[in-house]
N, C-alpha and C. Protein backbone atom coordinates (compact mmCIF):
# COMPACT_ATOMS: atom_id res chain seq x y z
N MET A 1 220.57 301.18 136.41
CA MET A 1 220.14 301.53 135.09
C MET A 1 220.44 303.00 134.84
N ALA A 2 221.00 303.31 133.70
CA ALA A 2 221.35 304.69 133.39
C ALA A 2 220.09 305.49 133.08
N GLN A 3 220.04 306.69 133.62
CA GLN A 3 218.88 307.54 133.40
C GLN A 3 219.07 308.33 132.12
N GLN A 4 218.02 308.35 131.27
CA GLN A 4 218.09 309.08 130.03
C GLN A 4 217.94 310.57 130.28
N ARG A 5 218.70 311.35 129.56
CA ARG A 5 218.58 312.80 129.66
C ARG A 5 217.42 313.22 128.78
N GLN A 6 216.52 314.01 129.33
CA GLN A 6 215.36 314.47 128.60
C GLN A 6 215.69 315.75 127.86
N HIS A 7 215.14 315.90 126.68
CA HIS A 7 215.32 317.10 125.87
C HIS A 7 214.02 317.89 125.89
N TYR A 8 213.94 318.80 126.83
CA TYR A 8 212.74 319.62 126.98
C TYR A 8 212.90 320.91 126.22
N THR A 9 212.52 320.88 124.96
CA THR A 9 212.58 322.08 124.13
C THR A 9 211.22 322.28 123.47
N MET A 10 210.97 323.50 123.06
CA MET A 10 209.74 323.82 122.35
C MET A 10 209.64 322.99 121.07
N THR A 11 210.77 322.81 120.41
CA THR A 11 210.80 322.03 119.17
C THR A 11 210.38 320.59 119.43
N MET A 12 210.89 319.99 120.50
CA MET A 12 210.53 318.61 120.81
C MET A 12 209.05 318.52 121.15
N ALA A 13 208.54 319.48 121.90
CA ALA A 13 207.12 319.47 122.25
C ALA A 13 206.26 319.60 121.00
N ARG A 14 206.64 320.47 120.09
CA ARG A 14 205.88 320.64 118.83
C ARG A 14 205.92 319.36 118.01
N LEU A 15 207.08 318.73 117.95
CA LEU A 15 207.21 317.48 117.21
C LEU A 15 206.30 316.40 117.79
N LEU A 16 206.31 316.27 119.11
CA LEU A 16 205.44 315.29 119.74
C LEU A 16 203.97 315.60 119.47
N ALA A 17 203.61 316.87 119.54
CA ALA A 17 202.23 317.27 119.29
C ALA A 17 201.83 316.95 117.84
N GLU A 18 202.71 317.24 116.90
CA GLU A 18 202.42 316.96 115.49
C GLU A 18 202.20 315.47 115.26
N GLN A 19 202.87 314.63 116.04
CA GLN A 19 202.74 313.18 115.92
C GLN A 19 201.58 312.64 116.74
N GLY A 20 200.89 313.52 117.47
CA GLY A 20 199.75 313.08 118.26
C GLY A 20 200.11 312.55 119.64
N HIS A 21 201.34 312.75 120.07
CA HIS A 21 201.78 312.32 121.40
C HIS A 21 201.52 313.47 122.39
N TRP A 22 200.25 313.67 122.69
CA TRP A 22 199.83 314.83 123.46
C TRP A 22 200.33 314.82 124.90
N GLN A 23 200.42 313.63 125.50
CA GLN A 23 200.90 313.57 126.89
C GLN A 23 202.35 314.03 126.98
N GLY A 24 203.18 313.53 126.08
CA GLY A 24 204.58 313.94 126.07
C GLY A 24 204.75 315.42 125.81
N ALA A 25 203.96 315.93 124.86
CA ALA A 25 204.02 317.37 124.56
C ALA A 25 203.59 318.19 125.77
N ALA A 26 202.51 317.77 126.44
CA ALA A 26 202.03 318.50 127.62
C ALA A 26 203.07 318.48 128.73
N ASP A 27 203.73 317.35 128.91
CA ASP A 27 204.77 317.26 129.95
C ASP A 27 205.89 318.26 129.68
N ILE A 28 206.31 318.34 128.43
CA ILE A 28 207.38 319.26 128.08
C ILE A 28 206.92 320.71 128.24
N TYR A 29 205.70 321.02 127.80
CA TYR A 29 205.19 322.38 127.96
C TYR A 29 205.13 322.77 129.43
N ARG A 30 204.71 321.84 130.29
CA ARG A 30 204.67 322.14 131.74
C ARG A 30 206.07 322.43 132.27
N HIS A 31 207.03 321.62 131.86
CA HIS A 31 208.42 321.82 132.29
C HIS A 31 208.92 323.19 131.83
N LEU A 32 208.67 323.51 130.58
CA LEU A 32 209.12 324.79 130.05
C LEU A 32 208.45 325.97 130.76
N LEU A 33 207.17 325.79 131.12
CA LEU A 33 206.47 326.86 131.83
C LEU A 33 207.01 327.05 133.25
N ARG A 34 207.47 325.97 133.87
CA ARG A 34 208.09 326.12 135.20
C ARG A 34 209.36 326.95 135.10
N GLU A 35 210.09 326.76 134.01
CA GLU A 35 211.33 327.52 133.82
C GLU A 35 211.07 328.94 133.31
N ASN A 36 209.99 329.12 132.55
CA ASN A 36 209.68 330.42 131.93
C ASN A 36 208.21 330.76 132.17
N PRO A 37 207.83 331.04 133.40
CA PRO A 37 206.42 331.30 133.68
C PRO A 37 205.93 332.54 132.93
N GLY A 38 204.70 332.46 132.50
CA GLY A 38 204.09 333.62 131.87
C GLY A 38 204.26 333.71 130.37
N ARG A 39 204.97 332.77 129.74
CA ARG A 39 205.12 332.84 128.28
C ARG A 39 203.81 332.42 127.64
N ALA A 40 203.19 333.35 126.96
CA ALA A 40 201.86 333.14 126.39
C ALA A 40 201.82 331.98 125.40
N GLU A 41 202.85 331.84 124.56
CA GLU A 41 202.82 330.76 123.56
C GLU A 41 202.90 329.38 124.21
N LEU A 42 203.62 329.29 125.34
CA LEU A 42 203.68 328.02 126.07
C LEU A 42 202.34 327.71 126.74
N CYS A 43 201.72 328.74 127.30
CA CYS A 43 200.40 328.55 127.92
C CYS A 43 199.39 328.08 126.89
N ALA A 44 199.41 328.69 125.73
CA ALA A 44 198.46 328.32 124.67
C ALA A 44 198.74 326.90 124.18
N ALA A 45 200.00 326.56 124.00
CA ALA A 45 200.36 325.23 123.53
C ALA A 45 199.96 324.17 124.57
N LEU A 46 200.19 324.46 125.84
CA LEU A 46 199.81 323.52 126.89
C LEU A 46 198.29 323.35 126.93
N ALA A 47 197.57 324.44 126.79
CA ALA A 47 196.10 324.37 126.79
C ALA A 47 195.61 323.49 125.64
N GLU A 48 196.21 323.63 124.48
CA GLU A 48 195.83 322.81 123.33
C GLU A 48 196.15 321.33 123.58
N ALA A 49 197.33 321.05 124.11
CA ALA A 49 197.71 319.67 124.40
C ALA A 49 196.76 319.05 125.42
N GLU A 50 196.42 319.80 126.46
CA GLU A 50 195.51 319.28 127.47
C GLU A 50 194.10 319.10 126.91
N ARG A 51 193.69 319.98 126.02
CA ARG A 51 192.38 319.81 125.38
C ARG A 51 192.36 318.53 124.56
N ARG A 52 193.44 318.29 123.82
CA ARG A 52 193.53 317.08 123.00
C ARG A 52 193.57 315.84 123.87
N LEU A 53 194.24 315.92 125.01
CA LEU A 53 194.28 314.78 125.93
C LEU A 53 192.88 314.47 126.47
N GLY A 54 192.09 315.52 126.65
CA GLY A 54 190.74 315.34 127.19
C GLY A 54 189.77 314.72 126.22
N GLU A 55 190.09 314.79 124.93
CA GLU A 55 189.23 314.19 123.92
C GLU A 55 189.41 312.68 123.96
N LYS A 56 188.32 312.00 124.19
CA LYS A 56 188.39 310.53 124.23
C LYS A 56 187.98 309.98 122.88
N SER A 57 188.87 309.23 122.27
CA SER A 57 188.51 308.60 121.01
C SER A 57 187.79 307.29 121.32
N PRO A 58 186.67 307.06 120.68
CA PRO A 58 185.93 305.83 120.96
C PRO A 58 186.73 304.62 120.49
N LYS A 59 186.63 303.56 121.26
CA LYS A 59 187.32 302.33 120.91
C LYS A 59 186.54 301.60 119.82
N ALA A 60 187.26 301.10 118.86
CA ALA A 60 186.65 300.27 117.84
C ALA A 60 186.39 298.90 118.44
N PRO A 61 185.33 298.23 118.03
CA PRO A 61 185.04 296.89 118.57
C PRO A 61 186.22 295.94 118.43
N ALA A 62 186.96 296.04 117.35
CA ALA A 62 188.11 295.16 117.15
C ALA A 62 189.18 295.37 118.22
N ASP A 63 189.27 296.58 118.78
CA ASP A 63 190.24 296.85 119.83
C ASP A 63 189.90 296.12 121.12
N LEU A 64 188.63 295.77 121.29
CA LEU A 64 188.18 295.13 122.52
C LEU A 64 188.33 293.60 122.48
N VAL A 65 188.52 293.03 121.31
CA VAL A 65 188.61 291.57 121.18
C VAL A 65 189.68 290.98 122.07
N PRO A 66 190.92 291.49 122.08
CA PRO A 66 191.93 290.89 122.96
C PRO A 66 191.55 290.97 124.44
N LEU A 67 190.86 292.03 124.83
CA LEU A 67 190.44 292.15 126.23
C LEU A 67 189.40 291.09 126.58
N PHE A 68 188.45 290.89 125.70
CA PHE A 68 187.44 289.86 125.95
C PHE A 68 188.05 288.46 125.95
N GLU A 69 188.98 288.21 125.04
CA GLU A 69 189.65 286.90 125.01
C GLU A 69 190.37 286.64 126.32
N GLU A 70 191.07 287.65 126.83
CA GLU A 70 191.77 287.50 128.10
C GLU A 70 190.79 287.28 129.25
N TRP A 71 189.68 288.01 129.24
CA TRP A 71 188.67 287.87 130.28
C TRP A 71 188.09 286.46 130.27
N ILE A 72 187.77 285.94 129.10
CA ILE A 72 187.21 284.58 128.99
C ILE A 72 188.23 283.56 129.48
N ARG A 73 189.49 283.74 129.09
CA ARG A 73 190.54 282.82 129.53
C ARG A 73 190.64 282.81 131.05
N LEU A 74 190.56 283.98 131.67
CA LEU A 74 190.65 284.07 133.13
C LEU A 74 189.42 283.48 133.81
N VAL A 75 188.25 283.62 133.21
CA VAL A 75 187.04 283.02 133.77
C VAL A 75 187.19 281.50 133.80
N PHE A 76 187.62 280.92 132.69
CA PHE A 76 187.81 279.47 132.65
C PHE A 76 188.90 279.01 133.62
N LYS A 77 189.94 279.77 133.74
CA LYS A 77 191.01 279.43 134.68
C LYS A 77 190.48 279.45 136.11
N ALA A 78 189.68 280.44 136.44
CA ALA A 78 189.10 280.52 137.79
C ALA A 78 188.19 279.33 138.06
N GLN A 79 187.41 278.93 137.07
CA GLN A 79 186.54 277.76 137.23
C GLN A 79 187.36 276.51 137.47
N ARG A 80 188.42 276.32 136.70
CA ARG A 80 189.29 275.14 136.89
C ARG A 80 189.92 275.15 138.28
N LEU A 81 190.38 276.30 138.74
CA LEU A 81 190.98 276.40 140.07
C LEU A 81 189.96 276.08 141.15
N ARG A 82 188.73 276.54 140.99
CA ARG A 82 187.68 276.25 141.95
C ARG A 82 187.42 274.74 142.02
N ARG A 83 187.37 274.10 140.86
CA ARG A 83 187.17 272.64 140.83
C ARG A 83 188.33 271.91 141.48
N LEU A 84 189.55 272.35 141.22
CA LEU A 84 190.72 271.71 141.83
C LEU A 84 190.68 271.84 143.36
N ARG A 85 190.30 272.99 143.85
CA ARG A 85 190.22 273.17 145.31
C ARG A 85 189.16 272.26 145.91
N GLN A 86 188.05 272.11 145.22
CA GLN A 86 186.98 271.23 145.69
C GLN A 86 187.49 269.78 145.74
N LEU A 87 188.23 269.38 144.71
CA LEU A 87 188.78 268.02 144.68
C LEU A 87 189.80 267.82 145.81
N GLN A 88 190.63 268.83 146.05
CA GLN A 88 191.62 268.71 147.11
C GLN A 88 190.95 268.55 148.46
N ARG A 89 189.88 269.29 148.70
CA ARG A 89 189.16 269.19 149.98
C ARG A 89 188.49 267.83 150.15
N SER A 90 188.08 267.23 149.03
CA SER A 90 187.38 265.94 149.13
C SER A 90 188.36 264.78 149.30
N LEU A 91 189.63 264.99 149.09
CA LEU A 91 190.61 263.89 149.24
C LEU A 91 191.02 263.68 150.65
């Protein structure tokens, strides 16, 4: 598989940050800081991105519905498998 070339620029990091992609922005800021240690604007931008990453947005109840549906499906599947094993042992 061909490896994609990454574009680690301040502009790309700002664009990602403006779109709310804080992890991508933080990754780019870290890369840029490794190449240019001590740049105050990069340190500040990274601190902001990491602060935003640390903010946990609460999940809406509707976001949890697919998780509960999957959990219920797996519970029923486990029960069916348990019954099948019991039947196999009794044969």
